[in-house]
N, C-alpha and C. Protein backbone atom coordinates (compact mmCIF):
# COMPACT_ATOMS: atom_id res chain seq x y z
N MET A 1 177.01 -116.90 -139.22
CA MET A 1 176.96 -115.78 -139.57
C MET A 1 176.25 -114.92 -139.91
N ALA A 2 174.92 -115.53 -140.18
CA ALA A 2 173.61 -114.15 -140.19
C ALA A 2 173.05 -114.16 -139.17
N VAL A 3 173.16 -115.06 -138.55
CA VAL A 3 172.74 -114.28 -136.70
C VAL A 3 173.46 -113.33 -136.31
N TYR A 4 175.08 -113.63 -136.44
CA TYR A 4 175.87 -112.28 -135.84
C TYR A 4 176.07 -111.24 -136.90
N ASN A 5 175.44 -111.82 -138.09
CA ASN A 5 175.18 -109.94 -139.04
C ASN A 5 174.21 -109.33 -138.72
N ASP A 6 172.67 -110.27 -138.17
CA ASP A 6 172.07 -109.03 -137.83
C ASP A 6 171.63 -109.02 -136.61
N LEU A 7 172.41 -109.77 -135.20
CA LEU A 7 172.36 -109.29 -134.12
C LEU A 7 173.61 -108.20 -133.29
N GLY A 8 174.81 -108.84 -134.57
CA GLY A 8 175.85 -108.01 -133.64
C GLY A 8 176.47 -109.05 -132.36
N GLY A 9 177.42 -108.29 -131.69
CA GLY A 9 178.28 -109.10 -130.77
C GLY A 9 177.49 -108.32 -129.22
N GLY A 10 177.64 -109.07 -128.14
CA GLY A 10 177.66 -108.41 -127.21
C GLY A 10 176.21 -108.63 -126.19
N LEU A 11 175.22 -109.80 -126.81
CA LEU A 11 174.15 -110.16 -126.02
C LEU A 11 174.03 -111.38 -125.36
N SER A 12 173.27 -111.99 -124.89
CA SER A 12 173.59 -113.33 -123.83
C SER A 12 173.89 -114.44 -124.82
N GLU A 13 174.15 -115.56 -124.18
CA GLU A 13 173.97 -116.90 -124.84
C GLU A 13 172.61 -117.06 -125.46
N GLU A 14 171.63 -116.70 -124.45
CA GLU A 14 170.10 -117.11 -124.73
C GLU A 14 169.81 -117.03 -125.79
N ILE A 15 169.87 -115.73 -126.05
CA ILE A 15 169.83 -114.68 -127.44
C ILE A 15 169.71 -115.41 -128.68
N TYR A 16 171.37 -115.55 -128.08
CA TYR A 16 172.14 -115.90 -129.26
C TYR A 16 171.66 -117.97 -129.83
N GLN A 17 171.38 -118.71 -128.96
CA GLN A 17 171.14 -119.65 -128.72
C GLN A 17 169.68 -119.48 -129.60
N GLU A 18 168.70 -118.78 -129.29
CA GLU A 18 167.16 -118.66 -129.67
C GLU A 18 167.11 -118.58 -131.42
N SER A 19 168.28 -117.71 -131.42
CA SER A 19 168.02 -116.95 -133.29
C SER A 19 168.74 -117.69 -133.86
N PHE A 20 169.91 -118.70 -133.11
CA PHE A 20 170.46 -119.88 -133.94
C PHE A 20 169.85 -120.62 -134.53
N GLU A 21 168.83 -121.19 -133.65
CA GLU A 21 167.80 -122.49 -133.75
C GLU A 21 166.60 -121.67 -134.45
N LEU A 22 166.43 -120.59 -134.63
CA LEU A 22 165.52 -119.58 -136.01
C LEU A 22 165.86 -120.60 -137.03
N GLU A 23 167.40 -119.87 -137.37
CA GLU A 23 168.08 -119.54 -138.34
C GLU A 23 168.28 -121.02 -139.06
N LEU A 24 168.45 -122.18 -138.28
CA LEU A 24 168.69 -123.41 -138.69
C LEU A 24 167.55 -124.02 -139.31
N ALA A 25 166.29 -123.81 -138.60
CA ALA A 25 164.89 -124.11 -138.64
C ALA A 25 164.36 -123.42 -139.95
N GLU A 26 164.57 -121.88 -140.26
CA GLU A 26 164.17 -121.70 -141.52
C GLU A 26 165.06 -122.35 -142.66
N ARG A 27 166.55 -122.83 -142.93
CA ARG A 27 166.81 -123.12 -143.39
C ARG A 27 166.45 -124.48 -143.50
N GLY A 28 166.21 -125.20 -142.42
CA GLY A 28 165.68 -127.03 -143.32
C GLY A 28 166.29 -127.92 -142.35
N PHE A 29 167.26 -127.63 -141.33
CA PHE A 29 168.27 -127.98 -140.93
C PHE A 29 167.09 -128.90 -139.66
N ARG A 30 167.42 -129.98 -139.55
CA ARG A 30 167.01 -131.01 -138.33
C ARG A 30 168.25 -130.88 -137.11
N PHE A 31 167.88 -130.79 -135.58
CA PHE A 31 168.49 -130.38 -134.50
C PHE A 31 167.67 -130.23 -133.08
N VAL A 32 168.38 -130.52 -132.03
CA VAL A 32 167.76 -131.44 -131.06
C VAL A 32 168.76 -129.99 -130.43
N ALA A 33 167.75 -129.30 -129.48
CA ALA A 33 168.67 -128.27 -128.62
C ALA A 33 168.45 -128.68 -127.60
N GLN A 34 169.98 -128.21 -126.73
CA GLN A 34 170.03 -128.52 -125.25
C GLN A 34 169.45 -130.45 -125.14
N PRO A 35 170.01 -130.96 -125.81
CA PRO A 35 169.54 -132.71 -125.06
C PRO A 35 170.52 -132.84 -123.89
N GLU A 36 169.79 -133.57 -123.39
CA GLU A 36 170.73 -134.34 -122.37
C GLU A 36 171.02 -135.68 -122.62
N LEU A 37 172.48 -135.51 -122.46
CA LEU A 37 173.44 -136.34 -122.64
C LEU A 37 173.99 -137.16 -121.57
N ALA A 38 173.70 -138.76 -121.41
CA ALA A 38 174.04 -139.28 -120.03
C ALA A 38 175.59 -139.89 -120.25
N VAL A 39 176.11 -139.51 -118.58
CA VAL A 39 177.51 -139.63 -118.51
C VAL A 39 177.56 -141.01 -117.80
N PHE A 40 178.80 -141.86 -117.95
CA PHE A 40 179.03 -143.03 -116.88
C PHE A 40 180.14 -143.08 -116.26
N TYR A 41 180.25 -143.74 -115.29
CA TYR A 41 181.62 -143.59 -114.59
C TYR A 41 181.77 -145.89 -114.09
N LYS A 42 182.78 -145.99 -114.67
CA LYS A 42 182.87 -147.37 -114.31
C LYS A 42 181.48 -148.40 -115.06
N GLY A 43 180.87 -147.65 -115.95
CA GLY A 43 179.84 -148.52 -116.48
C GLY A 43 178.70 -148.34 -115.79
N LYS A 44 178.30 -147.23 -114.64
CA LYS A 44 177.22 -146.59 -113.92
C LYS A 44 176.94 -145.41 -114.41
N PRO A 45 175.55 -145.15 -114.46
CA PRO A 45 175.18 -143.77 -115.06
C PRO A 45 175.29 -142.80 -113.83
N LEU A 46 175.81 -141.75 -114.35
CA LEU A 46 175.63 -140.60 -113.13
C LEU A 46 174.47 -140.09 -113.52
N THR A 47 173.94 -139.11 -112.25
CA THR A 47 172.72 -138.11 -112.57
C THR A 47 172.32 -137.49 -112.60
N LYS A 48 173.46 -136.73 -112.79
CA LYS A 48 174.20 -135.52 -113.35
C LYS A 48 174.00 -135.86 -115.11
N ARG A 49 173.98 -134.58 -115.95
CA ARG A 49 173.87 -134.56 -117.33
C ARG A 49 174.86 -133.68 -117.97
N LEU A 50 175.34 -133.47 -119.37
CA LEU A 50 176.11 -132.68 -119.81
C LEU A 50 174.56 -133.01 -121.30
N ARG A 51 174.83 -131.05 -121.46
CA ARG A 51 173.91 -130.82 -122.44
C ARG A 51 174.46 -129.48 -123.15
N PRO A 52 175.06 -130.21 -124.37
CA PRO A 52 175.51 -129.29 -125.28
C PRO A 52 173.86 -128.24 -126.32
N ASP A 53 174.98 -127.51 -126.05
CA ASP A 53 173.14 -126.54 -126.84
C ASP A 53 172.77 -127.07 -128.12
N LEU A 54 173.28 -127.78 -129.12
CA LEU A 54 172.58 -128.21 -130.34
C LEU A 54 173.43 -129.42 -130.85
N ILE A 55 172.68 -130.59 -130.96
CA ILE A 55 173.29 -131.27 -132.46
C ILE A 55 172.73 -131.44 -133.51
N ILE A 56 173.04 -131.13 -134.69
CA ILE A 56 172.64 -130.76 -135.94
C ILE A 56 172.67 -131.89 -136.64
N GLU A 57 171.66 -132.73 -137.48
CA GLU A 57 171.28 -133.57 -138.51
C GLU A 57 171.77 -134.84 -137.87
N SER A 58 171.71 -134.82 -136.47
CA SER A 58 172.24 -135.95 -135.64
C SER A 58 173.54 -136.07 -135.46
N GLU A 59 174.82 -135.55 -136.51
CA GLU A 59 176.25 -135.68 -136.26
C GLU A 59 176.82 -134.36 -135.77
N VAL A 60 176.39 -132.93 -135.65
CA VAL A 60 177.31 -132.12 -135.64
C VAL A 60 176.96 -131.57 -134.25
N VAL A 61 177.91 -131.54 -133.24
CA VAL A 61 177.55 -130.80 -131.78
C VAL A 61 178.20 -129.24 -131.69
N VAL A 62 177.18 -128.32 -131.50
CA VAL A 62 177.33 -127.48 -131.57
C VAL A 62 177.36 -126.49 -130.26
N GLU A 63 178.77 -126.06 -129.44
CA GLU A 63 178.34 -125.30 -128.13
C GLU A 63 178.29 -123.58 -128.43
N LEU A 64 177.78 -122.53 -128.47
CA LEU A 64 177.74 -121.42 -128.81
C LEU A 64 178.30 -120.72 -127.28
N LYS A 65 178.50 -119.60 -127.89
CA LYS A 65 179.06 -118.81 -126.29
C LYS A 65 179.17 -117.10 -126.43
N ALA A 66 179.25 -116.75 -125.27
CA ALA A 66 179.06 -115.01 -125.58
C ALA A 66 180.06 -114.90 -124.67
N VAL A 67 181.66 -114.67 -124.86
CA VAL A 67 182.77 -114.57 -123.99
C VAL A 67 183.39 -113.72 -124.62
N ALA A 68 184.07 -113.26 -124.05
CA ALA A 68 185.77 -112.24 -124.75
C ALA A 68 186.32 -112.81 -125.40
N ASN A 69 186.60 -114.29 -125.39
CA ASN A 69 188.03 -114.49 -126.15
C ASN A 69 187.72 -116.44 -125.83
N LEU A 70 187.30 -117.07 -126.57
CA LEU A 70 187.27 -118.54 -126.22
C LEU A 70 188.79 -119.07 -125.59
N ALA A 71 188.72 -120.27 -124.80
CA ALA A 71 189.55 -120.09 -123.65
C ALA A 71 189.92 -122.02 -123.94
N ASP A 72 190.77 -122.48 -122.92
CA ASP A 72 190.67 -123.97 -123.53
C ASP A 72 189.91 -124.81 -122.93
N GLU A 73 189.28 -124.07 -121.96
CA GLU A 73 188.21 -124.74 -121.05
C GLU A 73 186.86 -125.46 -122.15
N HIS A 74 186.45 -124.26 -122.68
CA HIS A 74 185.65 -124.12 -123.75
C HIS A 74 185.87 -125.31 -124.41
N ARG A 75 187.14 -125.31 -125.21
CA ARG A 75 187.51 -126.33 -126.43
C ARG A 75 187.65 -127.45 -125.69
N ALA A 76 187.52 -128.28 -124.55
CA ALA A 76 187.74 -129.07 -124.08
C ALA A 76 186.05 -129.67 -123.72
N GLN A 77 185.33 -129.07 -123.26
CA GLN A 77 183.72 -128.61 -123.26
C GLN A 77 183.29 -129.41 -124.47
N VAL A 78 183.37 -129.00 -125.77
CA VAL A 78 183.26 -129.52 -127.19
C VAL A 78 183.70 -130.89 -127.18
N LEU A 79 185.10 -131.00 -126.90
CA LEU A 79 185.54 -132.11 -127.06
C LEU A 79 185.23 -133.71 -126.05
N ASN A 80 184.51 -133.10 -124.82
CA ASN A 80 183.89 -133.84 -123.99
C ASN A 80 182.34 -134.36 -124.51
N TYR A 81 182.07 -133.67 -125.01
CA TYR A 81 180.53 -133.79 -125.94
C TYR A 81 180.75 -134.42 -127.11
N LEU A 82 181.47 -134.32 -127.79
CA LEU A 82 182.05 -135.09 -128.79
C LEU A 82 182.17 -136.77 -128.17
N ARG A 83 183.56 -136.70 -127.76
CA ARG A 83 183.44 -138.34 -126.91
C ARG A 83 181.91 -138.60 -126.69
N VAL A 84 181.10 -138.14 -125.14
CA VAL A 84 180.12 -138.60 -124.95
C VAL A 84 179.59 -139.09 -125.98
N THR A 85 179.32 -138.44 -127.22
CA THR A 85 178.26 -138.34 -127.80
C THR A 85 178.42 -139.56 -129.03
N ARG A 86 179.61 -139.83 -128.82
CA ARG A 86 180.55 -140.57 -130.17
C ARG A 86 180.56 -140.05 -131.42
N LYS A 87 180.58 -138.62 -130.92
CA LYS A 87 180.41 -137.87 -132.88
C LYS A 87 181.87 -137.13 -132.91
N GLN A 88 182.01 -136.90 -134.27
CA GLN A 88 183.57 -136.59 -134.71
C GLN A 88 183.50 -135.32 -134.99
N VAL A 89 182.16 -134.47 -134.87
CA VAL A 89 182.58 -133.03 -135.52
C VAL A 89 181.92 -132.06 -134.52
N GLY A 90 182.68 -131.26 -133.87
CA GLY A 90 182.28 -130.21 -133.53
C GLY A 90 182.09 -128.79 -133.84
N TYR A 91 181.64 -127.80 -133.38
CA TYR A 91 181.57 -126.42 -133.34
C TYR A 91 181.73 -125.51 -132.31
N LEU A 92 182.36 -124.78 -131.92
CA LEU A 92 182.91 -124.04 -130.61
C LEU A 92 182.57 -122.73 -131.73
N ILE A 93 181.32 -121.99 -130.98
CA ILE A 93 181.03 -120.36 -131.57
C ILE A 93 180.69 -119.64 -130.73
N ASN A 94 181.61 -118.39 -131.07
CA ASN A 94 181.63 -117.25 -129.90
C ASN A 94 180.74 -116.29 -130.57
N PHE A 95 179.84 -116.02 -130.18
CA PHE A 95 179.07 -114.78 -130.62
C PHE A 95 180.09 -113.09 -130.39
N ALA A 96 180.48 -113.12 -129.14
CA ALA A 96 180.98 -111.88 -128.46
C ALA A 96 182.41 -111.48 -128.59
N ALA A 97 182.91 -112.13 -129.43
CA ALA A 97 184.38 -111.59 -129.96
C ALA A 97 184.01 -110.15 -130.80
N PHE A 98 185.17 -109.27 -130.59
CA PHE A 98 185.38 -108.65 -131.34
C PHE A 98 186.25 -108.52 -132.64
N PRO A 99 185.91 -108.28 -133.96
CA PRO A 99 185.03 -107.24 -134.22
C PRO A 99 184.41 -107.97 -135.35
N ASN A 100 184.73 -109.31 -134.77
CA ASN A 100 183.87 -110.63 -135.54
C ASN A 100 183.46 -111.77 -135.10
N ILE A 101 182.80 -112.65 -135.32
CA ILE A 101 182.42 -113.51 -134.59
C ILE A 101 183.52 -114.66 -135.04
N GLU A 102 183.75 -115.40 -133.69
CA GLU A 102 184.90 -116.20 -133.70
C GLU A 102 183.96 -117.93 -133.43
N TRP A 103 185.13 -118.66 -134.30
CA TRP A 103 184.52 -120.14 -134.49
C TRP A 103 185.74 -120.76 -134.65
N GLN A 104 185.43 -122.04 -134.00
CA GLN A 104 186.80 -123.52 -133.74
C GLN A 104 185.82 -124.37 -134.37
N ARG A 105 186.82 -125.22 -135.21
CA ARG A 105 186.32 -126.73 -136.03
C ARG A 105 186.77 -127.98 -134.66
N LEU A 106 185.94 -128.57 -134.26
CA LEU A 106 187.20 -129.61 -133.58
C LEU A 106 186.51 -130.56 -133.54
N VAL A 107 187.49 -131.65 -133.87
CA VAL A 107 187.76 -133.05 -134.26
C VAL A 107 187.67 -134.31 -133.04
N ASN A 108 186.53 -135.33 -132.88
CA ASN A 108 187.09 -136.20 -131.83
C ASN A 108 188.34 -137.50 -132.46
N THR A 109 189.60 -137.22 -131.86
CA THR A 109 190.11 -138.44 -132.31
C THR A 109 190.08 -139.39 -131.46
N ARG A 110 189.58 -139.45 -130.10
CA ARG A 110 189.49 -140.14 -129.32
C ARG A 110 188.11 -140.99 -129.08
N ARG A 111 188.07 -142.02 -129.12
CA ARG A 111 186.75 -143.00 -128.94
C ARG A 111 186.67 -143.30 -127.03
N LEU A 112 185.26 -142.94 -126.68
CA LEU A 112 184.64 -143.10 -125.35
C LEU A 112 184.83 -144.74 -125.26
N LYS A 113 185.23 -145.12 -124.06
CA LYS A 113 185.50 -146.51 -123.66
C LYS A 113 184.49 -146.89 -122.63
N VAL A 114 183.42 -147.44 -123.00
CA VAL A 114 182.07 -148.26 -122.88
C VAL A 114 182.29 -148.82 -121.66
């Protein structure tokens, strides 16, 4: 909320990403920005990687957006990150929603088969 309150809506996702990282660091949270996640097909690693925007405190996956409205594909993206990382909780945060920030908490109810 602090990032949105300071910057408002309508900026690019990269601006919100950097600002969100600064806010997390200022508040003492440990996080990894845009980690590369390996994906496997039939037990074989793919060369392509998934890159969520943030993993906070090694537990929470966060995906930031700057779009008019969140869509099912955004939710699916976070749920896929949760499956691949085997994390339980993710947040989808949209800074471009008007008149307020839009966010959703998503929970992994499936386990990735290895």
